Amino acid sequence: MSEHEQENLNNGVNNKGVSDSATKNLKDLSNDKSLEKINTITTPIAPKQNDFSGLASAVHHLEQMKQLAAVFVKGGLCPIKKEEDVIIAIITGNQLGLPYTTSINNIFPINGKPGMSAHLIRALLLQNGIVFNKDYDFEPMYQYYEGDLDANGKLVARKIEVAGKDKPQPILRGVATLDKIDETKYVAGRVEVDRVTQYTFTRMLKQANGEYEKIKVVSSFKMSEANTAGLLGKDNWKNYPVRMCDARAFTAGAREIASDIIFGMYSINELADTYDIPYTITDTLEEAIVQDAVIVK
């Protein structure tokens, strides 16, 4: 019997909602060696009730948490300046399995939503064995144009009629160098049309049958996407386009590969951009100091 099946059986046996006869049947099934080779779950499982003990404990200790939050706010190592926000950051971090000090320095309220720092997102992925690699680092994307040799052997762009005008014949558009172009075509030139940052994430994810499956996610972000979203007019996108594009590509992929780890939370930068809250870039990992929403200094 697989470890997952045994755990489900144990949960069923220990659940008070199961009758004595059902409990006996479950125990008999758990001792049945013939089930060991079955990969799918075939044993009936009693519904598992939600465990509110953690929330109840938080409510019970609310006054103590307020006192602790007051100490954090008065101290010099807490960037959050409202006691209520400190408590929410601590509770949110507790659900993620984080220490108090890590939570108050990496989880910030942005327009009523908790935002995670880029440091924390990367740390949680590494902590859970998720590997990521940067494939493209703000690489230029080109539009390549096909060409022909004229009577003098000079390479000229092949023209096609577009909307009544002669324009160069495109070959392809993407991240490529001349040696990657089809050798049977003459390349008359190229024009940079975009910039892209891309990450590949890899994870070994345990399945219901106890076996592990390799999961891969490719995530990218282009400057054209930033333009469509109206981001290029913002100061940080004007001044730090490489780092901002990197952050978007990474966090989008992180949410997809690790939705069970970061629970779909967005980064500070993403939330601040969404709600037009000004912030400043402070380091190479896209850490944002959100002003007005979170007073840091």
C-alpha atoms as a PDB file:
ATOM      1  CA  MET A   1       0.000   0.000   0.000  1.00  0.00           C
ATOM      2  CA  SER A   2       1.354   3.432  -0.921  1.00  0.00           C
ATOM      3  CA  GLU A   3       2.175   6.015   1.721  1.00  0.00           C
ATOM      4  CA  HIS A   4      -0.631   8.249   0.383  1.00  0.00           C
ATOM      5  CA  GLU A   5      -3.218   5.456   0.688  1.00  0.00           C
ATOM      6  CA  GLN A   6      -2.097   4.567   4.200  1.00  0.00           C
ATOM      7  CA  GLU A   7      -2.378   8.218   5.248  1.00  0.00           C
ATOM      8  CA  ASN A   8      -5.903   8.421   3.822  1.00  0.00           C
ATOM      9  CA  LEU A   9      -6.851   5.222   5.655  1.00  0.00           C
ATOM     10  CA  ASN A  10      -5.476   6.571   8.908  1.00  0.00           C
ATOM     11  CA  ASN A  11      -7.398   9.820   8.447  1.00  0.00           C
ATOM     12  CA  GLY A  12     -10.556   7.808   7.898  1.00  0.00           C
ATOM     13  CA  VAL A  13      -9.962   5.599  10.937  1.00  0.00           C
ATOM     14  CA  ASN A  14      -9.291   8.548  13.198  1.00  0.00           C
ATOM     15  CA  ASN A  15     -12.252  10.639  12.022  1.00  0.00           C
ATOM     16  CA  LYS A  16     -15.027  10.637  14.622  1.00  0.00           C
ATOM     17  CA  GLY A  17     -17.677  10.811  11.942  1.00  0.00           C
ATOM     18  CA  VAL A  18     -16.996   7.261  10.827  1.00  0.00           C
ATOM     19  CA  SER A  19     -19.217   4.582  12.332  1.00  0.00           C
ATOM     20  CA  ASP A  20     -17.782   1.605  14.225  1.00  0.00           C
ATOM     21  CA  SER A  21     -18.585  -0.762  11.367  1.00  0.00           C
ATOM     22  CA  ALA A  22     -16.974   1.548   8.826  1.00  0.00           C
ATOM     23  CA  THR A  23     -13.956   1.854  11.105  1.00  0.00           C
ATOM     24  CA  LYS A  24     -13.638  -1.939  11.261  1.00  0.00           C
ATOM     25  CA  ASN A  25     -13.882  -2.149   7.474  1.00  0.00           C
ATOM     26  CA  LEU A  26     -11.189   0.474   7.068  1.00  0.00           C
ATOM     27  CA  LYS A  27      -8.903  -1.374   9.486  1.00  0.00           C
ATOM     28  CA  ASP A  28      -9.479  -4.610   7.575  1.00  0.00           C
ATOM     29  CA  LEU A  29      -8.633  -2.839   4.326  1.00  0.00           C
ATOM     30  CA  SER A  30      -5.491  -1.362   5.822  1.00  0.00           C
ATOM     31  CA  ASN A  31      -4.296  -4.878   6.665  1.00  0.00           C
ATOM     32  CA  ASP A  32      -5.160  -6.291   3.251  1.00  0.00           C
ATOM     33  CA  LYS A  33      -1.799  -6.908   1.546  1.00  0.00           C
ATOM     34  CA  SER A  34      -3.488  -7.337  -1.838  1.00  0.00           C
ATOM     35  CA  LEU A  35      -4.071  -3.588  -1.969  1.00  0.00           C
ATOM     36  CA  GLU A  36      -0.380  -2.741  -1.835  1.00  0.00           C
ATOM     37  CA  LYS A  37       0.042  -2.795  -5.620  1.00  0.00           C
ATOM     38  CA  ILE A  38      -2.999  -0.640  -6.357  1.00  0.00           C
ATOM     39  CA  ASN A  39      -1.839   2.797  -7.486  1.00  0.00           C
ATOM     40  CA  THR A  40      -5.217   4.525  -7.419  1.00  0.00           C
ATOM     41  CA  ILE A  41      -7.166   5.347  -4.285  1.00  0.00           C
ATOM     42  CA  THR A  42     -10.051   2.910  -3.952  1.00  0.00           C
ATOM     43  CA  THR A  43     -10.721   3.137  -0.198  1.00  0.00           C
ATOM     44  CA  PRO A  44     -13.720   5.231   0.961  1.00  0.00           C
ATOM     45  CA  ILE A  45     -12.554   8.197   2.986  1.00  0.00           C
ATOM     46  CA  ALA A  46     -14.666  10.067   5.516  1.00  0.00           C
ATOM     47  CA  PRO A  47     -14.928  13.837   4.883  1.00  0.00           C
ATOM     48  CA  LYS A  48     -12.172  15.748   6.642  1.00  0.00           C
ATOM     49  CA  GLN A  49     -13.308  18.725   8.678  1.00  0.00           C
ATOM     50  CA  ASN A  50     -11.571  22.091   8.465  1.00  0.00           C
ATOM     51  CA  ASP A  51      -9.121  22.709  11.275  1.00  0.00           C
ATOM     52  CA  PHE A  52      -9.696  26.145  12.800  1.00  0.00           C
ATOM     53  CA  SER A  53      -7.359  25.603  15.741  1.00  0.00           C
ATOM     54  CA  GLY A  54      -4.737  27.938  14.279  1.00  0.00           C
ATOM     55  CA  LEU A  55      -7.257  30.741  13.727  1.00  0.00           C
ATOM     56  CA  ALA A  56      -8.792  30.179  17.152  1.00  0.00           C
ATOM     57  CA  SER A  57      -5.361  30.384  18.700  1.00  0.00           C
ATOM     58  CA  ALA A  58      -4.666  33.641  16.891  1.00  0.00           C
ATOM     59  CA  VAL A  59      -7.939  35.155  18.153  1.00  0.00           C
ATOM     60  CA  HIS A  60      -7.250  33.903  21.657  1.00  0.00           C
ATOM     61  CA  HIS A  61      -3.827  35.515  21.669  1.00  0.00           C
ATOM     62  CA  LEU A  62      -4.923  38.682  19.870  1.00  0.00           C
ATOM     63  CA  GLU A  63      -4.052  40.971  22.779  1.00  0.00           C
ATOM     64  CA  GLN A  64      -0.589  39.462  23.062  1.00  0.00           C
ATOM     65  CA  MET A  65      -0.173  39.867  19.303  1.00  0.00           C
ATOM     66  CA  LYS A  66      -1.144  43.531  19.581  1.00  0.00           C
ATOM     67  CA  GLN A  67       1.506  44.030  22.230  1.00  0.00           C
ATOM     68  CA  LEU A  68       4.076  42.275  20.052  1.00  0.00           C
ATOM     69  CA  ALA A  69       3.057  44.360  17.032  1.00  0.00           C
ATOM     70  CA  ALA A  70       3.483  47.545  19.068  1.00  0.00           C
ATOM     71  CA  VAL A  71       7.023  46.508  19.957  1.00  0.00           C
ATOM     72  CA  PHE A  72       7.812  45.755  16.302  1.00  0.00           C
ATOM     73  CA  VAL A  73       6.425  49.111  15.123  1.00  0.00           C
ATOM     74  CA  LYS A  74       8.419  51.053  17.717  1.00  0.00           C
ATOM     75  CA  GLY A  75      11.570  49.125  16.852  1.00  0.00           C
ATOM     76  CA  GLY A  76      13.915  50.053  14.066  1.00  0.00           C
ATOM     77  CA  LEU A  77      13.754  46.799  12.094  1.00  0.00           C
ATOM     78  CA  CYS A  78      10.069  46.766  11.104  1.00  0.00           C
ATOM     79  CA  PRO A  79       9.188  48.556   7.830  1.00  0.00           C
ATOM     80  CA  ILE A  80       5.437  48.330   8.546  1.00  0.00           C
ATOM     81  CA  LYS A  81       4.194  51.230  10.659  1.00  0.00           C
ATOM     82  CA  LYS A  82       0.633  50.133  11.517  1.00  0.00           C
ATOM     83  CA  GLU A  83       0.111  47.549  14.257  1.00  0.00           C
ATOM     84  CA  GLU A  84      -2.886  46.023  12.458  1.00  0.00           C
ATOM     85  CA  ASP A  85      -0.827  45.454   9.328  1.00  0.00           C
ATOM     86  CA  VAL A  86       1.938  43.865  11.378  1.00  0.00           C
ATOM     87  CA  ILE A  87      -0.552  41.358  12.815  1.00  0.00           C
ATOM     88  CA  ILE A  88      -1.928  40.519   9.360  1.00  0.00           C
ATOM     89  CA  ALA A  89       1.598  40.071   8.013  1.00  0.00           C
ATOM     90  CA  ILE A  90       2.431  37.726  10.885  1.00  0.00           C
ATOM     91  CA  ILE A  91      -0.733  35.652  10.394  1.00  0.00           C
ATOM     92  CA  THR A  92      -0.195  35.498   6.617  1.00  0.00           C
ATOM     93  CA  GLY A  93       3.404  34.483   7.122  1.00  0.00           C
ATOM     94  CA  ASN A  94       2.380  31.856   9.651  1.00  0.00           C
ATOM     95  CA  GLN A  95       0.215  30.206   6.982  1.00  0.00           C
ATOM     96  CA  LEU A  96       3.320  30.094   4.793  1.00  0.00           C
ATOM     97  CA  GLY A  97       5.428  28.654   7.618  1.00  0.00           C
ATOM     98  CA  LEU A  98       7.526  31.800   8.090  1.00  0.00           C
ATOM     99  CA  PRO A  99       9.115  33.258  11.240  1.00  0.00           C
ATOM    100  CA  TYR A 100       7.675  36.537  12.577  1.00  0.00           C
ATOM    101  CA  THR A 101      10.651  38.673  11.632  1.00  0.00           C
ATOM    102  CA  THR A 102      10.691  37.303   8.078  1.00  0.00           C
ATOM    103  CA  SER A 103       6.987  38.045   7.683  1.00  0.00           C
ATOM    104  CA  ILE A 104       7.118  41.666   8.837  1.00  0.00           C
ATOM    105  CA  ASN A 105      10.038  42.402   6.521  1.00  0.00           C
ATOM    106  CA  ASN A 106       8.719  40.665   3.408  1.00  0.00           C
ATOM    107  CA  ILE A 107       4.900  40.867   3.433  1.00  0.00           C
ATOM    108  CA  PHE A 108       3.310  44.286   2.954  1.00  0.00           C
ATOM    109  CA  PRO A 109      -0.281  45.513   2.545  1.00  0.00           C
ATOM    110  CA  ILE A 110      -0.985  47.034  -0.858  1.00  0.00           C
ATOM    111  CA  ASN A 111      -4.502  48.419  -1.281  1.00  0.00           C
ATOM    112  CA  GLY A 112      -5.974  45.773   1.002  1.00  0.00           C
ATOM    113  CA  LYS A 113      -3.955  42.854  -0.363  1.00  0.00           C
ATOM    114  CA  PRO A 114      -0.760  41.295   0.988  1.00  0.00           C
ATOM    115  CA  GLY A 115       2.207  41.595  -1.350  1.00  0.00           C
ATOM    116  CA  MET A 116       5.338  39.454  -1.113  1.00  0.00           C
ATOM    117  CA  SER A 117       8.877  40.654  -1.661  1.00  0.00           C
ATOM    118  CA  ALA A 118      10.889  39.162  -4.503  1.00  0.00           C
ATOM    119  CA  HIS A 119      13.353  37.841  -1.924  1.00  0.00           C
ATOM    120  CA  LEU A 120      10.617  35.837  -0.220  1.00  0.00           C
ATOM    121  CA  ILE A 121       9.185  34.387  -3.437  1.00  0.00           C
ATOM    122  CA  ARG A 122      12.604  33.154  -4.534  1.00  0.00           C
ATOM    123  CA  ALA A 123      13.380  31.801  -1.064  1.00  0.00           C
ATOM    124  CA  LEU A 124      10.138  29.804  -0.887  1.00  0.00           C
ATOM    125  CA  LEU A 125      10.796  28.248  -4.290  1.00  0.00           C
ATOM    126  CA  LEU A 126      14.352  27.272  -3.373  1.00  0.00           C
ATOM    127  CA  GLN A 127      13.221  25.963   0.006  1.00  0.00           C
ATOM    128  CA  ASN A 128      10.839  23.594  -1.765  1.00  0.00           C
ATOM    129  CA  GLY A 129      13.361  22.308  -4.284  1.00  0.00           C
ATOM    130  CA  ILE A 130      12.099  24.270  -7.290  1.00  0.00           C
ATOM    131  CA  VAL A 131      14.876  25.001  -9.780  1.00  0.00           C
ATOM    132  CA  PHE A 132      14.745  28.032 -12.061  1.00  0.00           C
ATOM    133  CA  ASN A 133      16.990  29.247 -14.848  1.00  0.00           C
ATOM    134  CA  LYS A 134      17.004  32.543 -16.737  1.00  0.00           C
ATOM    135  CA  ASP A 135      16.898  31.738 -20.463  1.00  0.00           C
ATOM    136  CA  TYR A 136      16.766  35.291 -21.812  1.00  0.00           C
ATOM    137  CA  ASP A 137      17.898  38.375 -19.908  1.00  0.00           C
ATOM    138  CA  PHE A 138      16.203  41.328 -21.615  1.00  0.00           C
ATOM    139  CA  GLU A 139      17.245  39.897 -24.953  1.00  0.00           C
ATOM    140  CA  PRO A 140      16.373  41.837 -28.124  1.00  0.00           C
ATOM    141  CA  MET A 141      13.701  40.380 -30.397  1.00  0.00           C
ATOM    142  CA  TYR A 142      14.222  41.073 -34.074  1.00  0.00           C
ATOM    143  CA  GLN A 143      12.134  41.135 -37.183  1.00  0.00           C
ATOM    144  CA  TYR A 144      14.319  39.533 -39.860  1.00  0.00           C
ATOM    145  CA  TYR A 145      13.840  40.350 -43.528  1.00  0.00           C
ATOM    146  CA  GLU A 146      14.436  38.152 -46.550  1.00  0.00           C
ATOM    147  CA  GLY A 147      16.673  39.366 -49.316  1.00  0.00           C
ATOM    148  CA  ASP A 148      17.780  38.647 -52.883  1.00  0.00           C
ATOM    149  CA  LEU A 149      20.995  39.135 -54.793  1.00  0.00           C
ATOM    150  CA  ASP A 150      20.720  41.767 -57.516  1.00  0.00           C
ATOM    151  CA  ALA A 151      22.476  41.652 -60.898  1.00  0.00           C
ATOM    152  CA  ASN A 152      25.662  42.932 -59.285  1.00  0.00           C
ATOM    153  CA  GLY A 153      25.589  40.348 -56.511  1.00  0.00           C
ATOM    154  CA  LYS A 154      24.512  42.890 -53.909  1.00  0.00           C
ATOM    155  CA  LEU A 155      22.105  41.738 -51.219  1.00  0.00           C
ATOM    156  CA  VAL A 156      18.898  43.744 -51.224  1.00  0.00           C
ATOM    157  CA  ALA A 157      15.691  43.306 -49.275  1.00  0.00           C
ATOM    158  CA  ARG A 158      12.909  41.476 -51.068  1.00  0.00           C
ATOM    159  CA  LYS A 159       9.877  43.701 -51.315  1.00  0.00           C
ATOM    160  CA  ILE A 160       6.218  42.801 -50.984  1.00  0.00           C
ATOM    161  CA  GLU A 161       3.237  45.046 -51.443  1.00  0.00           C
ATOM    162  CA  VAL A 162       1.481  45.912 -48.183  1.00  0.00           C
ATOM    163  CA  ALA A 163      -1.387  48.400 -48.244  1.00  0.00           C
ATOM    164  CA  GLY A 164      -0.253  49.720 -51.605  1.00  0.00           C
ATOM    165  CA  LYS A 165       3.373  50.172 -50.527  1.00  0.00           C
ATOM    166  CA  ASP A 166       6.471  48.059 -51.081  1.00  0.00           C
ATOM    167  CA  LYS A 167       7.850  46.766 -47.784  1.00  0.00           C
ATOM    168  CA  PRO A 168      10.608  44.273 -46.888  1.00  0.00           C
ATOM    169  CA  GLN A 169       9.635  40.593 -46.850  1.00  0.00           C
ATOM    170  CA  PRO A 170       9.701  39.347 -43.223  1.00  0.00           C
ATOM    171  CA  ILE A 171      11.238  35.942 -42.446  1.00  0.00           C
ATOM    172  CA  LEU A 172      10.631  35.566 -38.754  1.00  0.00           C
ATOM    173  CA  ARG A 173      10.274  37.516 -35.559  1.00  0.00           C
ATOM    174  CA  GLY A 174      11.893  36.440 -32.322  1.00  0.00           C
ATOM    175  CA  VAL A 175      15.050  36.006 -30.269  1.00  0.00           C
ATOM    176  CA  ALA A 176      17.520  34.719 -32.822  1.00  0.00           C
ATOM    177  CA  THR A 177      20.907  35.313 -34.401  1.00  0.00           C
ATOM    178  CA  LEU A 178      21.778  35.111 -38.061  1.00  0.00           C
ATOM    179  CA  ASP A 179      23.173  31.595 -37.720  1.00  0.00           C
ATOM    180  CA  LYS A 180      19.748  30.369 -36.578  1.00  0.00           C
ATOM    181  CA  ILE A 181      18.014  31.568 -39.733  1.00  0.00           C
ATOM    182  CA  ASP A 182      17.180  29.102 -42.505  1.00  0.00           C
ATOM    183  CA  GLU A 183      20.374  28.894 -44.569  1.00  0.00           C
ATOM    184  CA  THR A 184      18.392  28.627 -47.786  1.00  0.00           C
ATOM    185  CA  LYS A 185      17.220  32.234 -47.368  1.00  0.00           C
ATOM    186  CA  TYR A 186      19.241  35.373 -47.784  1.00  0.00           C
ATOM    187  CA  VAL A 187      18.918  37.699 -44.784  1.00  0.00           C
ATOM    188  CA  ALA A 188      18.863  41.305 -45.931  1.00  0.00           C
ATOM    189  CA  GLY A 189      18.603  42.829 -42.467  1.00  0.00           C
ATOM    190  CA  ARG A 190      16.853  42.934 -39.129  1.00  0.00           C
ATOM    191  CA  VAL A 191      15.091  45.467 -36.943  1.00  0.00           C
ATOM    192  CA  GLU A 192      14.755  45.265 -33.168  1.00  0.00           C
ATOM    193  CA  VAL A 193      11.067  45.137 -32.320  1.00  0.00           C
ATOM    194  CA  ASP A 194      10.935  44.049 -28.661  1.00  0.00           C
ATOM    195  CA  ARG A 195      12.843  42.930 -25.558  1.00  0.00           C
ATOM    196  CA  VAL A 196      12.115  39.764 -23.560  1.00  0.00           C
ATOM    197  CA  THR A 197      13.128  38.102 -20.293  1.00  0.00           C
ATOM    198  CA  GLN A 198      12.350  34.417 -19.873  1.00  0.00           C
ATOM    199  CA  TYR A 199      12.662  31.879 -17.038  1.00  0.00           C
ATOM    200  CA  THR A 200      12.266  28.113 -17.008  1.00  0.00           C
ATOM    201  CA  PHE A 201      11.096  26.529 -13.750  1.00  0.00           C
ATOM    202  CA  THR A 202      11.433  22.809 -12.961  1.00  0.00           C
ATOM    203  CA  ARG A 203       9.862  20.875 -10.103  1.00  0.00           C
ATOM    204  CA  MET A 204       9.447  17.240  -9.062  1.00  0.00           C
ATOM    205  CA  LEU A 205       5.838  16.999  -7.891  1.00  0.00           C
ATOM    206  CA  LYS A 206       4.496  14.032  -5.931  1.00  0.00           C
ATOM    207  CA  GLN A 207       1.392  12.472  -7.471  1.00  0.00           C
ATOM    208  CA  ALA A 208      -1.544  10.673  -5.808  1.00  0.00           C
ATOM    209  CA  ASN A 209       0.025   7.281  -6.484  1.00  0.00           C
ATOM    210  CA  GLY A 210       3.171   8.252  -4.601  1.00  0.00           C
ATOM    211  CA  GLU A 211       5.286   8.645  -7.712  1.00  0.00           C
ATOM    212  CA  TYR A 212       7.025  11.875  -8.731  1.00  0.00           C
ATOM    213  CA  GLU A 213       6.437  13.686 -11.990  1.00  0.00           C
ATOM    214  CA  LYS A 214       8.694  16.353 -13.465  1.00  0.00           C
ATOM    215  CA  ILE A 215       6.826  19.604 -14.021  1.00  0.00           C
ATOM    216  CA  LYS A 216       8.238  22.402 -16.196  1.00  0.00           C
ATOM    217  CA  VAL A 217       6.928  25.938 -16.612  1.00  0.00           C
ATOM    218  CA  VAL A 218       8.303  28.550 -19.017  1.00  0.00           C
ATOM    219  CA  SER A 219       7.457  32.147 -18.183  1.00  0.00           C
ATOM    220  CA  SER A 220       8.394  35.280 -20.102  1.00  0.00           C
ATOM    221  CA  PHE A 221       7.599  38.974 -20.131  1.00  0.00           C
ATOM    222  CA  LYS A 222       8.112  41.404 -23.003  1.00  0.00           C
ATOM    223  CA  MET A 223       8.381  45.147 -23.131  1.00  0.00           C
ATOM    224  CA  SER A 224       5.501  45.123 -25.613  1.00  0.00           C
ATOM    225  CA  GLU A 225       3.362  43.562 -22.860  1.00  0.00           C
ATOM    226  CA  ALA A 226       4.428  46.315 -20.472  1.00  0.00           C
ATOM    227  CA  ASN A 227       3.435  48.865 -23.101  1.00  0.00           C
ATOM    228  CA  THR A 228       0.029  47.244 -23.580  1.00  0.00           C
ATOM    229  CA  ALA A 229      -0.510  47.306 -19.795  1.00  0.00           C
ATOM    230  CA  GLY A 230       0.380  50.996 -19.651  1.00  0.00           C
ATOM    231  CA  LEU A 231       3.496  50.441 -17.537  1.00  0.00           C
ATOM    232  CA  LEU A 232       6.138  52.130 -19.686  1.00  0.00           C
ATOM    233  CA  GLY A 233       5.024  55.580 -18.601  1.00  0.00           C
ATOM    234  CA  LYS A 234       5.878  54.845 -14.962  1.00  0.00           C
ATOM    235  CA  ASP A 235       9.197  56.098 -13.591  1.00  0.00           C
ATOM    236  CA  ASN A 236      10.532  52.703 -12.535  1.00  0.00           C
ATOM    237  CA  TRP A 237       9.836  51.199 -15.958  1.00  0.00           C
ATOM    238  CA  LYS A 238      11.575  54.150 -17.581  1.00  0.00           C
ATOM    239  CA  ASN A 239      14.602  54.002 -15.298  1.00  0.00           C
ATOM    240  CA  TYR A 240      14.904  50.239 -14.603  1.00  0.00           C
ATOM    241  CA  PRO A 241      13.327  48.396 -17.568  1.00  0.00           C
ATOM    242  CA  VAL A 242      15.706  45.407 -17.318  1.00  0.00           C
ATOM    243  CA  ARG A 243      14.976  44.748 -13.663  1.00  0.00           C
ATOM    244  CA  MET A 244      11.245  45.382 -13.939  1.00  0.00           C
ATOM    245  CA  CYS A 245      10.900  42.996 -16.887  1.00  0.00           C
ATOM    246  CA  ASP A 246      12.907  40.395 -14.957  1.00  0.00           C
ATOM    247  CA  ALA A 247      10.605  40.673 -11.941  1.00  0.00           C
ATOM    248  CA  ARG A 248       7.446  40.208 -14.005  1.00  0.00           C
ATOM    249  CA  ALA A 249       8.780  37.168 -15.843  1.00  0.00           C
ATOM    250  CA  PHE A 250       9.914  35.534 -12.609  1.00  0.00           C
ATOM    251  CA  THR A 251       6.859  36.126 -10.418  1.00  0.00           C
ATOM    252  CA  ALA A 252       4.408  35.017 -13.124  1.00  0.00           C
ATOM    253  CA  GLY A 253       6.251  31.716 -13.479  1.00  0.00           C
ATOM    254  CA  ALA A 254       6.584  31.323  -9.716  1.00  0.00           C
ATOM    255  CA  ARG A 255       2.820  31.555  -9.239  1.00  0.00           C
ATOM    256  CA  GLU A 256       2.220  28.926 -11.901  1.00  0.00           C
ATOM    257  CA  ILE A 257       4.833  26.386 -10.748  1.00  0.00           C
ATOM    258  CA  ALA A 258       4.246  26.934  -7.025  1.00  0.00           C
ATOM    259  CA  SER A 259       0.605  27.849  -6.573  1.00  0.00           C
ATOM    260  CA  ASP A 260       0.452  25.492  -3.585  1.00  0.00           C
ATOM    261  CA  ILE A 261       3.409  27.259  -1.954  1.00  0.00           C
ATOM    262  CA  ILE A 262       2.789  30.976  -2.450  1.00  0.00           C
ATOM    263  CA  PHE A 263      -0.999  30.594  -2.900  1.00  0.00           C
ATOM    264  CA  GLY A 264      -1.208  32.948  -5.858  1.00  0.00           C
ATOM    265  CA  MET A 265       0.099  35.971  -3.970  1.00  0.00           C
ATOM    266  CA  TYR A 266       1.496  38.816  -6.042  1.00  0.00           C
ATOM    267  CA  SER A 267       4.753  40.663  -5.588  1.00  0.00           C
ATOM    268  CA  ILE A 268       4.920  44.133  -4.107  1.00  0.00           C
ATOM    269  CA  ASN A 269       5.871  45.604  -7.491  1.00  0.00           C
ATOM    270  CA  GLU A 270       2.932  44.035  -9.313  1.00  0.00           C
ATOM    271  CA  LEU A 271       0.373  45.279  -6.801  1.00  0.00           C
ATOM    272  CA  ALA A 272       1.919  48.757  -6.644  1.00  0.00           C
ATOM    273  CA  ASP A 273       1.870  49.035 -10.447  1.00  0.00           C
ATOM    274  CA  THR A 274      -1.716  47.782 -10.570  1.00  0.00           C
ATOM    275  CA  TYR A 275      -2.967  50.390  -8.104  1.00  0.00           C
ATOM    276  CA  ASP A 276      -0.658  53.214  -9.281  1.00  0.00           C
ATOM    277  CA  ILE A 277       1.156  53.453  -5.964  1.00  0.00           C
ATOM    278  CA  PRO A 278       4.601  55.085  -6.255  1.00  0.00           C
ATOM    279  CA  TYR A 279       7.624  53.101  -5.110  1.00  0.00           C
ATOM    280  CA  THR A 280      11.380  53.041  -5.521  1.00  0.00           C
ATOM    281  CA  ILE A 281      13.702  50.222  -6.565  1.00  0.00           C
ATOM    282  CA  THR A 282      16.281  49.460  -3.883  1.00  0.00           C
ATOM    283  CA  ASP A 283      18.266  46.408  -5.028  1.00  0.00           C
ATOM    284  CA  THR A 284      18.912  43.913  -7.804  1.00  0.00           C
ATOM    285  CA  LEU A 285      16.115  41.567  -6.749  1.00  0.00           C
ATOM    286  CA  GLU A 286      13.414  44.108  -7.565  1.00  0.00           C
ATOM    287  CA  GLU A 287      12.678  44.890  -3.954  1.00  0.00           C
ATOM    288  CA  ALA A 288      10.173  47.718  -3.780  1.00  0.00           C
ATOM    289  CA  ILE A 289       9.715  50.310  -1.086  1.00  0.00           C
ATOM    290  CA  VAL A 290       6.101  51.309  -1.450  1.00  0.00           C
ATOM    291  CA  GLN A 291       5.506  54.869  -0.358  1.00  0.00           C
ATOM    292  CA  ASP A 292       2.194  56.082   1.066  1.00  0.00           C
ATOM    293  CA  ALA A 293       0.982  52.469   1.275  1.00  0.00           C
ATOM    294  CA  VAL A 294       3.907  51.339   3.420  1.00  0.00           C
ATOM    295  CA  ILE A 295       6.022  53.963   5.132  1.00  0.00           C
ATOM    296  CA  VAL A 296       9.523  52.586   5.394  1.00  0.00           C
ATOM    297  CA  LYS A 297      11.597  55.476   6.618  1.00  0.00           C
END
